[in-house]
Amino acid sequence: MSSPVTPPNRRLTLPSNPTSPSNASFSYRITVGNKVSEDTLKACAELFSSNYGIWGDEASKISSFTKAGQKVKMTGARLRAQCLSHPENTVLVTCHLQVDPSESERPKLCGHAFASMWNYGENKIGWVTQLVVDEAVRQRYVATQLLQTLKVHAPFSRINIVGLVSSHPAACNALAKYAAADLKDVDLDFIRAHRDPHGSLRAHAKGILQSSPISYLNDAQLRGTLFEDVCRNGSISSVFTQFYVDHAEPLRVLSHYQNKGQWCLGELADGHEFLAIFPIVPVSPISPIRLQAS
């Protein structure tokens, strides 16, 4: 199943041509995992390789092939292994940009989000395994809309806990919006461990990650004051993924959130990523529709 979900068109001025406004519009499409084609995977891998970031100074700790300053690359095969190993429980949302609807050129892929689902006790977990947005269209709510589109998928509408691991604060913010939460007032007890009045365990970061069908989450090393008795690097809710990507751009965004008092997940250390987990109230699935501009 691949369903178009297009919000009202927005008039945009693209950075590549700032003097000539265009009737550009975004469209969003959701595809179940076993319907994701090799061509789509290749396009997502290319988007990742062009826009995810560059390796940091300690990248050589990963392997002899990861060198500081080089772009972090992705292949279709590796993307399938990391994000589509269980296609029956995976969803892909893609965002395409049509610069001028009157032109015949195909819309350009400018963002994607892979998300997986699994059971954890009585809970249904929804996890964003990869979220990438083209640098040219960032700060236009593309990441937010990619995650909001997940609500169109009927099985995903039944999740009651959502999470991700990411080095980028904007990804955490998009997830918070999905859960109708606020990054300045995250329920940190819920991430660490939270029991309801009857004593039942409702959420626990370690248990959620270990129950995941996603291999890189199973062995995740929890870091920060939520999980460690002694933590001196300012982390609060993080995972040591040993993914030494350059943090210059995420740290600039983090500083923006911190200066506005809109952040409580702590600092971002090298080789670490933020861990964001939110409770949500399941909603009725939305029928796939195409909305027209007013």
C-alpha atoms as a PDB file:
ATOM      1  CA  MET A   1       0.000   0.000   0.000  1.00  0.00           C
ATOM      2  CA  SER A   2       1.315   3.385  -0.951  1.00  0.00           C
ATOM      3  CA  SER A   3      -1.015   6.275  -0.217  1.00  0.00           C
ATOM      4  CA  PRO A   4      -0.577   9.974  -1.034  1.00  0.00           C
ATOM      5  CA  VAL A   5      -1.255  12.360   1.816  1.00  0.00           C
ATOM      6  CA  THR A   6      -0.824  15.903   0.596  1.00  0.00           C
ATOM      7  CA  PRO A   7      -1.325  18.928   2.843  1.00  0.00           C
ATOM      8  CA  PRO A   8      -2.445  22.249   1.392  1.00  0.00           C
ATOM      9  CA  ASN A   9       0.095  23.716  -1.025  1.00  0.00           C
ATOM     10  CA  ARG A  10       2.367  26.380   0.406  1.00  0.00           C
ATOM     11  CA  ARG A  11       4.026  29.179  -1.528  1.00  0.00           C
ATOM     12  CA  LEU A  12       7.764  28.865  -0.911  1.00  0.00           C
ATOM     13  CA  THR A  13      10.856  30.819  -1.815  1.00  0.00           C
ATOM     14  CA  LEU A  14      13.611  28.259  -2.229  1.00  0.00           C
ATOM     15  CA  PRO A  15      17.192  29.085  -1.241  1.00  0.00           C
ATOM     16  CA  SER A  16      18.482  28.072  -4.674  1.00  0.00           C
ATOM     17  CA  ASN A  17      16.568  30.900  -6.328  1.00  0.00           C
ATOM     18  CA  PRO A  18      15.819  33.553  -3.699  1.00  0.00           C
ATOM     19  CA  THR A  19      14.843  36.286  -6.169  1.00  0.00           C
ATOM     20  CA  SER A  20      12.129  34.327  -7.936  1.00  0.00           C
ATOM     21  CA  PRO A  21       9.310  32.905  -5.776  1.00  0.00           C
ATOM     22  CA  SER A  22       7.817  29.679  -7.080  1.00  0.00           C
ATOM     23  CA  ASN A  23       4.583  27.796  -6.548  1.00  0.00           C
ATOM     24  CA  ALA A  24       6.405  24.977  -4.793  1.00  0.00           C
ATOM     25  CA  SER A  25       4.461  22.388  -2.837  1.00  0.00           C
ATOM     26  CA  PHE A  26       5.252  19.410  -0.627  1.00  0.00           C
ATOM     27  CA  SER A  27       3.444  16.087  -0.901  1.00  0.00           C
ATOM     28  CA  TYR A  28       3.727  13.170   1.511  1.00  0.00           C
ATOM     29  CA  ARG A  29       3.379   9.466   0.785  1.00  0.00           C
ATOM     30  CA  ILE A  30       3.236   6.527   3.173  1.00  0.00           C
ATOM     31  CA  THR A  31       4.335   3.044   2.085  1.00  0.00           C
ATOM     32  CA  VAL A  32       4.224  -0.190   4.077  1.00  0.00           C
ATOM     33  CA  GLY A  33       7.570  -1.919   4.415  1.00  0.00           C
ATOM     34  CA  ASN A  34       7.003  -4.865   2.089  1.00  0.00           C
ATOM     35  CA  LYS A  35       5.973  -2.490  -0.711  1.00  0.00           C
ATOM     36  CA  VAL A  36       9.123  -0.347  -0.600  1.00  0.00           C
ATOM     37  CA  SER A  37      10.884  -0.789  -3.944  1.00  0.00           C
ATOM     38  CA  GLU A  38      14.611  -1.018  -4.567  1.00  0.00           C
ATOM     39  CA  ASP A  39      14.430   2.271  -6.495  1.00  0.00           C
ATOM     40  CA  THR A  40      12.833   3.982  -3.505  1.00  0.00           C
ATOM     41  CA  LEU A  41      15.464   2.555  -1.166  1.00  0.00           C
ATOM     42  CA  LYS A  42      18.199   3.771  -3.488  1.00  0.00           C
ATOM     43  CA  ALA A  43      16.684   7.268  -3.576  1.00  0.00           C
ATOM     44  CA  CYS A  44      16.433   7.336   0.243  1.00  0.00           C
ATOM     45  CA  ALA A  45      20.046   6.170   0.544  1.00  0.00           C
ATOM     46  CA  GLU A  46      21.159   8.949  -1.805  1.00  0.00           C
ATOM     47  CA  LEU A  47      19.189  11.528   0.190  1.00  0.00           C
ATOM     48  CA  PHE A  48      20.846  10.291   3.389  1.00  0.00           C
ATOM     49  CA  SER A  49      24.329  10.331   1.839  1.00  0.00           C
ATOM     50  CA  SER A  50      23.895  13.886   0.589  1.00  0.00           C
ATOM     51  CA  ASN A  51      22.290  15.412   3.667  1.00  0.00           C
ATOM     52  CA  TYR A  52      22.886  13.460   6.870  1.00  0.00           C
ATOM     53  CA  GLY A  53      26.250  14.966   7.761  1.00  0.00           C
ATOM     54  CA  ILE A  54      30.006  14.367   7.879  1.00  0.00           C
ATOM     55  CA  TRP A  55      32.198  12.205  10.073  1.00  0.00           C
ATOM     56  CA  GLY A  56      33.670  13.825  13.162  1.00  0.00           C
ATOM     57  CA  ASP A  57      37.232  13.892  14.443  1.00  0.00           C
ATOM     58  CA  GLU A  58      36.981  10.488  16.111  1.00  0.00           C
ATOM     59  CA  ALA A  59      35.442   8.690  13.142  1.00  0.00           C
ATOM     60  CA  SER A  60      38.524   6.470  12.774  1.00  0.00           C
ATOM     61  CA  LYS A  61      37.386   4.654  15.938  1.00  0.00           C
ATOM     62  CA  ILE A  62      34.574   3.111  13.873  1.00  0.00           C
ATOM     63  CA  SER A  63      36.714   1.710  11.059  1.00  0.00           C
ATOM     64  CA  SER A  64      39.580   2.527   8.726  1.00  0.00           C
ATOM     65  CA  PHE A  65      37.012   3.544   6.092  1.00  0.00           C
ATOM     66  CA  THR A  66      35.375   6.316   8.130  1.00  0.00           C
ATOM     67  CA  LYS A  67      37.451   9.469   7.907  1.00  0.00           C
ATOM     68  CA  ALA A  68      36.860  12.859   9.519  1.00  0.00           C
ATOM     69  CA  GLY A  69      35.338  15.414   7.179  1.00  0.00           C
ATOM     70  CA  GLN A  70      33.928  12.911   4.729  1.00  0.00           C
ATOM     71  CA  LYS A  71      30.184  12.582   4.176  1.00  0.00           C
ATOM     72  CA  VAL A  72      28.390   9.817   6.040  1.00  0.00           C
ATOM     73  CA  LYS A  73      27.322   7.458   3.261  1.00  0.00           C
ATOM     74  CA  MET A  74      24.494   4.973   2.978  1.00  0.00           C
ATOM     75  CA  THR A  75      23.677   2.227   0.463  1.00  0.00           C
ATOM     76  CA  GLY A  76      20.299   0.768  -0.362  1.00  0.00           C
ATOM     77  CA  ALA A  77      21.361  -2.651   0.943  1.00  0.00           C
ATOM     78  CA  ARG A  78      22.556  -1.228   4.250  1.00  0.00           C
ATOM     79  CA  LEU A  79      19.417   0.875   4.585  1.00  0.00           C
ATOM     80  CA  ARG A  80      17.279  -2.225   4.079  1.00  0.00           C
ATOM     81  CA  ALA A  81      19.252  -4.103   6.740  1.00  0.00           C
ATOM     82  CA  GLN A  82      19.010  -1.259   9.271  1.00  0.00           C
ATOM     83  CA  CYS A  83      15.472  -0.006   8.701  1.00  0.00           C
ATOM     84  CA  LEU A  84      13.572  -2.714   6.804  1.00  0.00           C
ATOM     85  CA  SER A  85      14.717  -5.955   8.409  1.00  0.00           C
ATOM     86  CA  HIS A  86      11.088  -6.551   9.513  1.00  0.00           C
ATOM     87  CA  PRO A  87       9.083  -5.052   6.628  1.00  0.00           C
ATOM     88  CA  GLU A  88       5.739  -6.305   7.929  1.00  0.00           C
ATOM     89  CA  ASN A  89       6.142  -3.975  10.930  1.00  0.00           C
ATOM     90  CA  THR A  90       7.787  -1.062   9.135  1.00  0.00           C
ATOM     91  CA  VAL A  91       6.445   2.068   7.465  1.00  0.00           C
ATOM     92  CA  LEU A  92       8.205   4.554   5.189  1.00  0.00           C
ATOM     93  CA  VAL A  93       6.975   8.138   4.818  1.00  0.00           C
ATOM     94  CA  THR A  94       8.455  10.194   1.997  1.00  0.00           C
ATOM     95  CA  CYS A  95       8.204  13.896   1.215  1.00  0.00           C
ATOM     96  CA  HIS A  96       8.455  15.155  -2.344  1.00  0.00           C
ATOM     97  CA  LEU A  97       8.861  18.716  -3.550  1.00  0.00           C
ATOM     98  CA  GLN A  98       7.197  19.898  -6.746  1.00  0.00           C
ATOM     99  CA  VAL A  99       8.902  23.187  -7.565  1.00  0.00           C
ATOM    100  CA  ASP A 100       6.391  24.208 -10.233  1.00  0.00           C
ATOM    101  CA  PRO A 101       3.238  22.120 -10.799  1.00  0.00           C
ATOM    102  CA  SER A 102       3.025  23.413 -14.369  1.00  0.00           C
ATOM    103  CA  GLU A 103       6.343  21.770 -15.246  1.00  0.00           C
ATOM    104  CA  SER A 104       6.639  18.130 -16.293  1.00  0.00           C
ATOM    105  CA  GLU A 105       9.670  17.262 -14.157  1.00  0.00           C
ATOM    106  CA  ARG A 106       9.113  14.669 -11.450  1.00  0.00           C
ATOM    107  CA  PRO A 107       8.801  15.813  -7.829  1.00  0.00           C
ATOM    108  CA  LYS A 108      12.082  15.613  -5.927  1.00  0.00           C
ATOM    109  CA  LEU A 109      12.502  13.445  -2.847  1.00  0.00           C
ATOM    110  CA  CYS A 110      13.396  15.867  -0.054  1.00  0.00           C
ATOM    111  CA  GLY A 111      12.712  13.930   3.137  1.00  0.00           C
ATOM    112  CA  HIS A 112      11.956  10.493   4.518  1.00  0.00           C
ATOM    113  CA  ALA A 113      11.175   8.756   7.785  1.00  0.00           C
ATOM    114  CA  PHE A 114      11.383   5.024   8.487  1.00  0.00           C
ATOM    115  CA  ALA A 115       9.414   3.811  11.498  1.00  0.00           C
ATOM    116  CA  SER A 116       8.976   0.379  13.077  1.00  0.00           C
ATOM    117  CA  MET A 117       6.484  -1.106  15.538  1.00  0.00           C
ATOM    118  CA  TRP A 118       6.762  -3.817  18.160  1.00  0.00           C
ATOM    119  CA  ASN A 119       5.148  -4.983  21.386  1.00  0.00           C
ATOM    120  CA  TYR A 120       6.612  -4.334  24.824  1.00  0.00           C
ATOM    121  CA  GLY A 121       4.482  -6.018  27.459  1.00  0.00           C
ATOM    122  CA  GLU A 122       1.040  -4.514  27.089  1.00  0.00           C
ATOM    123  CA  ASN A 123       2.443  -1.545  25.209  1.00  0.00           C
ATOM    124  CA  LYS A 124       2.716  -0.953  21.480  1.00  0.00           C
ATOM    125  CA  ILE A 125       5.973   0.792  20.589  1.00  0.00           C
ATOM    126  CA  GLY A 126       6.450   3.029  17.549  1.00  0.00           C
ATOM    127  CA  TRP A 127      10.078   3.873  16.797  1.00  0.00           C
ATOM    128  CA  VAL A 128      11.521   6.284  14.223  1.00  0.00           C
ATOM    129  CA  THR A 129      14.586   4.464  12.928  1.00  0.00           C
ATOM    130  CA  GLN A 130      15.695   7.113  10.444  1.00  0.00           C
ATOM    131  CA  LEU A 131      14.641  10.709   9.758  1.00  0.00           C
ATOM    132  CA  VAL A 132      16.359  12.746   7.042  1.00  0.00           C
ATOM    133  CA  VAL A 133      15.440  16.096   5.471  1.00  0.00           C
ATOM    134  CA  ASP A 134      17.197  17.794   2.554  1.00  0.00           C
ATOM    135  CA  GLU A 135      19.240  20.750   3.801  1.00  0.00           C
ATOM    136  CA  ALA A 136      17.568  23.015   1.203  1.00  0.00           C
ATOM    137  CA  VAL A 137      14.124  22.668   2.817  1.00  0.00           C
ATOM    138  CA  ARG A 138      14.918  22.498   6.518  1.00  0.00           C
ATOM    139  CA  GLN A 139      13.047  24.729   8.981  1.00  0.00           C
ATOM    140  CA  ARG A 140       9.880  24.305   6.912  1.00  0.00           C
ATOM    141  CA  TYR A 141       8.264  21.695   9.186  1.00  0.00           C
ATOM    142  CA  VAL A 142       9.078  18.827   6.820  1.00  0.00           C
ATOM    143  CA  ALA A 143      10.348  16.597   9.652  1.00  0.00           C
ATOM    144  CA  THR A 144       7.245  17.382  11.689  1.00  0.00           C
ATOM    145  CA  GLN A 145       4.895  16.533   8.832  1.00  0.00           C
ATOM    146  CA  LEU A 146       6.789  13.330   8.001  1.00  0.00           C
ATOM    147  CA  LEU A 147       6.097  12.038  11.503  1.00  0.00           C
ATOM    148  CA  GLN A 148       2.537  13.365  11.627  1.00  0.00           C
ATOM    149  CA  THR A 149       1.818  11.418   8.446  1.00  0.00           C
ATOM    150  CA  LEU A 150       2.511   8.191  10.339  1.00  0.00           C
ATOM    151  CA  LYS A 151      -0.895   8.657  11.944  1.00  0.00           C
ATOM    152  CA  VAL A 152      -2.487   7.805   8.592  1.00  0.00           C
ATOM    153  CA  HIS A 153      -1.215   4.225   8.893  1.00  0.00           C
ATOM    154  CA  ALA A 154      -3.839   2.217  10.787  1.00  0.00           C
ATOM    155  CA  PRO A 155      -1.504  -0.096  12.769  1.00  0.00           C
ATOM    156  CA  PHE A 156       0.730   2.847  13.721  1.00  0.00           C
ATOM    157  CA  SER A 157      -2.286   4.718  15.072  1.00  0.00           C
ATOM    158  CA  ARG A 158      -2.531   2.142  17.867  1.00  0.00           C
ATOM    159  CA  ILE A 159       0.894   2.756  19.401  1.00  0.00           C
ATOM    160  CA  ASN A 160       1.000   4.252  22.890  1.00  0.00           C
ATOM    161  CA  ILE A 161       4.753   4.868  23.227  1.00  0.00           C
ATOM    162  CA  VAL A 162       6.896   6.548  20.587  1.00  0.00           C
ATOM    163  CA  GLY A 163      10.648   7.065  20.541  1.00  0.00           C
ATOM    164  CA  LEU A 164      13.833   7.701  18.613  1.00  0.00           C
ATOM    165  CA  VAL A 165      17.586   7.964  19.006  1.00  0.00           C
ATOM    166  CA  SER A 166      19.050  10.987  17.214  1.00  0.00           C
ATOM    167  CA  SER A 167      21.889  13.469  17.478  1.00  0.00           C
ATOM    168  CA  HIS A 168      19.686  16.237  16.083  1.00  0.00           C
ATOM    169  CA  PRO A 169      17.454  18.253  18.458  1.00  0.00           C
ATOM    170  CA  ALA A 170      15.055  19.074  15.611  1.00  0.00           C
ATOM    171  CA  ALA A 171      14.272  15.365  15.223  1.00  0.00           C
ATOM    172  CA  CYS A 172      13.494  15.140  18.947  1.00  0.00           C
ATOM    173  CA  ASN A 173      11.282  18.214  18.633  1.00  0.00           C
ATOM    174  CA  ALA A 174       9.369  16.700  15.704  1.00  0.00           C
ATOM    175  CA  LEU A 175       8.760  13.573  17.777  1.00  0.00           C
ATOM    176  CA  ALA A 176       7.570  15.668  20.719  1.00  0.00           C
ATOM    177  CA  LYS A 177       5.013  17.327  18.448  1.00  0.00           C
ATOM    178  CA  TYR A 178       3.848  13.904  17.298  1.00  0.00           C
ATOM    179  CA  ALA A 179       3.182  13.014  20.945  1.00  0.00           C
ATOM    180  CA  ALA A 180       1.651  16.436  21.734  1.00  0.00           C
ATOM    181  CA  ALA A 181       4.477  16.955  24.223  1.00  0.00           C
ATOM    182  CA  ASP A 182       6.908  19.794  24.944  1.00  0.00           C
ATOM    183  CA  LEU A 183      10.694  19.456  24.898  1.00  0.00           C
ATOM    184  CA  LYS A 184      11.068  21.912  27.752  1.00  0.00           C
ATOM    185  CA  ASP A 185       8.988  19.714  30.020  1.00  0.00           C
ATOM    186  CA  VAL A 186       9.694  16.096  29.031  1.00  0.00           C
ATOM    187  CA  ASP A 187       8.512  13.421  31.468  1.00  0.00           C
ATOM    188  CA  LEU A 188      11.999  12.135  32.270  1.00  0.00           C
ATOM    189  CA  ASP A 189      10.652   9.639  34.804  1.00  0.00           C
ATOM    190  CA  PHE A 190       8.700   8.025  32.000  1.00  0.00           C
ATOM    191  CA  ILE A 191      11.911   7.546  29.981  1.00  0.00           C
ATOM    192  CA  ARG A 192      13.781   6.059  32.919  1.00  0.00           C
ATOM    193  CA  ALA A 193      11.006   4.043  34.547  1.00  0.00           C
ATOM    194  CA  HIS A 194       7.461   4.876  35.528  1.00  0.00           C
ATOM    195  CA  ARG A 195       4.915   2.834  37.440  1.00  0.00           C
ATOM    196  CA  ASP A 196       1.200   3.457  37.439  1.00  0.00           C
ATOM    197  CA  PRO A 197      -0.819   3.605  40.723  1.00  0.00           C
ATOM    198  CA  HIS A 198      -1.260  -0.179  40.579  1.00  0.00           C
ATOM    199  CA  GLY A 199       2.486  -0.786  40.475  1.00  0.00           C
ATOM    200  CA  SER A 200       2.638  -1.905  36.843  1.00  0.00           C
ATOM    201  CA  LEU A 201       5.682  -0.882  34.830  1.00  0.00           C
ATOM    202  CA  ARG A 202       4.504   1.399  32.043  1.00  0.00           C
ATOM    203  CA  ALA A 203       7.775   2.280  30.404  1.00  0.00           C
ATOM    204  CA  HIS A 204      11.451   1.590  30.837  1.00  0.00           C
ATOM    205  CA  ALA A 205      14.081   2.685  28.327  1.00  0.00           C
ATOM    206  CA  LYS A 206      16.279  -0.380  28.727  1.00  0.00           C
ATOM    207  CA  GLY A 207      13.382  -2.795  28.372  1.00  0.00           C
ATOM    208  CA  ILE A 208      11.980  -0.978  25.349  1.00  0.00           C
ATOM    209  CA  LEU A 209      15.320  -1.016  23.541  1.00  0.00           C
ATOM    210  CA  GLN A 210      16.095  -4.633  24.375  1.00  0.00           C
ATOM    211  CA  SER A 211      12.673  -5.750  23.151  1.00  0.00           C
ATOM    212  CA  SER A 212      13.240  -4.036  19.812  1.00  0.00           C
ATOM    213  CA  PRO A 213      13.629  -6.066  16.591  1.00  0.00           C
ATOM    214  CA  ILE A 214      16.190  -3.453  15.490  1.00  0.00           C
ATOM    215  CA  SER A 215      19.675  -4.806  16.126  1.00  0.00           C
ATOM    216  CA  TYR A 216      21.483  -1.536  16.792  1.00  0.00           C
ATOM    217  CA  LEU A 217      18.994  -0.690  19.545  1.00  0.00           C
ATOM    218  CA  ASN A 218      19.331  -4.011  21.360  1.00  0.00           C
ATOM    219  CA  ASP A 219      22.892  -3.305  22.479  1.00  0.00           C
ATOM    220  CA  ALA A 220      22.450   0.435  23.046  1.00  0.00           C
ATOM    221  CA  GLN A 221      24.386   1.761  26.037  1.00  0.00           C
ATOM    222  CA  LEU A 222      22.228   4.151  28.037  1.00  0.00           C
ATOM    223  CA  ARG A 223      24.017   7.271  29.241  1.00  0.00           C
ATOM    224  CA  GLY A 224      23.187  10.396  31.223  1.00  0.00           C
ATOM    225  CA  THR A 225      21.955  11.239  34.680  1.00  0.00           C
ATOM    226  CA  LEU A 226      18.737   9.271  34.084  1.00  0.00           C
ATOM    227  CA  PHE A 227      20.701   6.031  33.899  1.00  0.00           C
ATOM    228  CA  GLU A 228      24.101   6.608  35.539  1.00  0.00           C
ATOM    229  CA  ASP A 229      24.971   7.340  39.152  1.00  0.00           C
ATOM    230  CA  VAL A 230      27.921   9.417  37.962  1.00  0.00           C
ATOM    231  CA  CYS A 231      27.755  11.443  34.762  1.00  0.00           C
ATOM    232  CA  ARG A 232      30.037  14.424  34.224  1.00  0.00           C
ATOM    233  CA  ASN A 233      29.489  15.342  30.570  1.00  0.00           C
ATOM    234  CA  GLY A 234      26.095  17.022  31.005  1.00  0.00           C
ATOM    235  CA  SER A 235      24.105  14.206  29.398  1.00  0.00           C
ATOM    236  CA  ILE A 236      20.644  13.503  30.777  1.00  0.00           C
ATOM    237  CA  SER A 237      18.968  11.095  28.343  1.00  0.00           C
ATOM    238  CA  SER A 238      21.404   9.732  25.778  1.00  0.00           C
ATOM    239  CA  VAL A 239      22.644   6.567  24.130  1.00  0.00           C
ATOM    240  CA  PHE A 240      26.306   5.863  23.426  1.00  0.00           C
ATOM    241  CA  THR A 241      26.023   4.622  19.842  1.00  0.00           C
ATOM    242  CA  GLN A 242      29.705   5.122  18.965  1.00  0.00           C
ATOM    243  CA  PHE A 243      28.452   6.904  15.859  1.00  0.00           C
ATOM    244  CA  TYR A 244      31.064   9.630  15.595  1.00  0.00           C
ATOM    245  CA  VAL A 245      29.307  12.006  13.236  1.00  0.00           C
ATOM    246  CA  ASP A 246      30.281  15.686  13.350  1.00  0.00           C
ATOM    247  CA  HIS A 247      28.033  17.548  15.799  1.00  0.00           C
ATOM    248  CA  ALA A 248      28.672  21.131  14.687  1.00  0.00           C
ATOM    249  CA  GLU A 249      25.245  21.669  13.108  1.00  0.00           C
ATOM    250  CA  PRO A 250      23.227  19.772  15.769  1.00  0.00           C
ATOM    251  CA  LEU A 251      25.036  21.727  18.510  1.00  0.00           C
ATOM    252  CA  ARG A 252      24.075  25.043  16.893  1.00  0.00           C
ATOM    253  CA  VAL A 253      20.445  23.942  16.884  1.00  0.00           C
ATOM    254  CA  LEU A 254      20.777  22.656  20.458  1.00  0.00           C
ATOM    255  CA  SER A 255      22.097  26.038  21.576  1.00  0.00           C
ATOM    256  CA  HIS A 256      19.029  27.676  20.023  1.00  0.00           C
ATOM    257  CA  TYR A 257      16.659  25.436  22.011  1.00  0.00           C
ATOM    258  CA  GLN A 258      18.659  25.869  25.221  1.00  0.00           C
ATOM    259  CA  ASN A 259      18.744  29.656  24.925  1.00  0.00           C
ATOM    260  CA  LYS A 260      14.960  29.685  24.627  1.00  0.00           C
ATOM    261  CA  GLY A 261      14.577  27.373  27.627  1.00  0.00           C
ATOM    262  CA  GLN A 262      13.052  24.645  25.434  1.00  0.00           C
ATOM    263  CA  TRP A 263      15.346  21.706  26.163  1.00  0.00           C
ATOM    264  CA  CYS A 264      15.731  19.205  28.994  1.00  0.00           C
ATOM    265  CA  LEU A 265      17.475  16.163  27.476  1.00  0.00           C
ATOM    266  CA  GLY A 266      20.942  17.419  28.383  1.00  0.00           C
ATOM    267  CA  GLU A 267      24.149  17.880  26.424  1.00  0.00           C
ATOM    268  CA  LEU A 268      25.311  16.019  23.326  1.00  0.00           C
ATOM    269  CA  ALA A 269      28.649  14.227  23.761  1.00  0.00           C
ATOM    270  CA  ASP A 270      30.801  12.800  20.959  1.00  0.00           C
ATOM    271  CA  GLY A 271      29.661   9.366  19.854  1.00  0.00           C
ATOM    272  CA  HIS A 272      26.317   9.861  21.620  1.00  0.00           C
ATOM    273  CA  GLU A 273      22.757  10.529  20.491  1.00  0.00           C
ATOM    274  CA  PHE A 274      19.749  11.804  22.387  1.00  0.00           C
ATOM    275  CA  LEU A 275      17.161   9.289  23.571  1.00  0.00           C
ATOM    276  CA  ALA A 276      13.602  10.613  23.369  1.00  0.00           C
ATOM    277  CA  ILE A 277      10.617   8.518  24.470  1.00  0.00           C
ATOM    278  CA  PHE A 278       7.080   9.845  24.884  1.00  0.00           C
ATOM    279  CA  PRO A 279       3.745   8.345  25.948  1.00  0.00           C
ATOM    280  CA  ILE A 280       0.913   9.051  23.547  1.00  0.00           C
ATOM    281  CA  VAL A 281      -2.830   8.497  23.468  1.00  0.00           C
ATOM    282  CA  PRO A 282      -3.738   6.282  20.483  1.00  0.00           C
ATOM    283  CA  VAL A 283      -6.048   7.976  17.986  1.00  0.00           C
ATOM    284  CA  SER A 284      -8.435   6.744  15.327  1.00  0.00           C
ATOM    285  CA  PRO A 285      -6.657   6.252  11.992  1.00  0.00           C
ATOM    286  CA  ILE A 286      -7.146   8.916   9.352  1.00  0.00           C
ATOM    287  CA  SER A 287      -8.351   7.829   5.932  1.00  0.00           C
ATOM    288  CA  PRO A 288      -5.788   8.551   3.183  1.00  0.00           C
ATOM    289  CA  ILE A 289      -6.982  11.698   1.443  1.00  0.00           C
ATOM    290  CA  ARG A 290      -5.646  14.372  -0.826  1.00  0.00           C
ATOM    291  CA  LEU A 291      -6.309  17.882   0.393  1.00  0.00           C
ATOM    292  CA  GLN A 292      -6.571  20.706  -2.085  1.00  0.00           C
ATOM    293  CA  ALA A 293      -5.180  24.164  -1.564  1.00  0.00           C
ATOM    294  CA  SER A 294      -7.775  26.694  -0.527  1.00  0.00           C
END
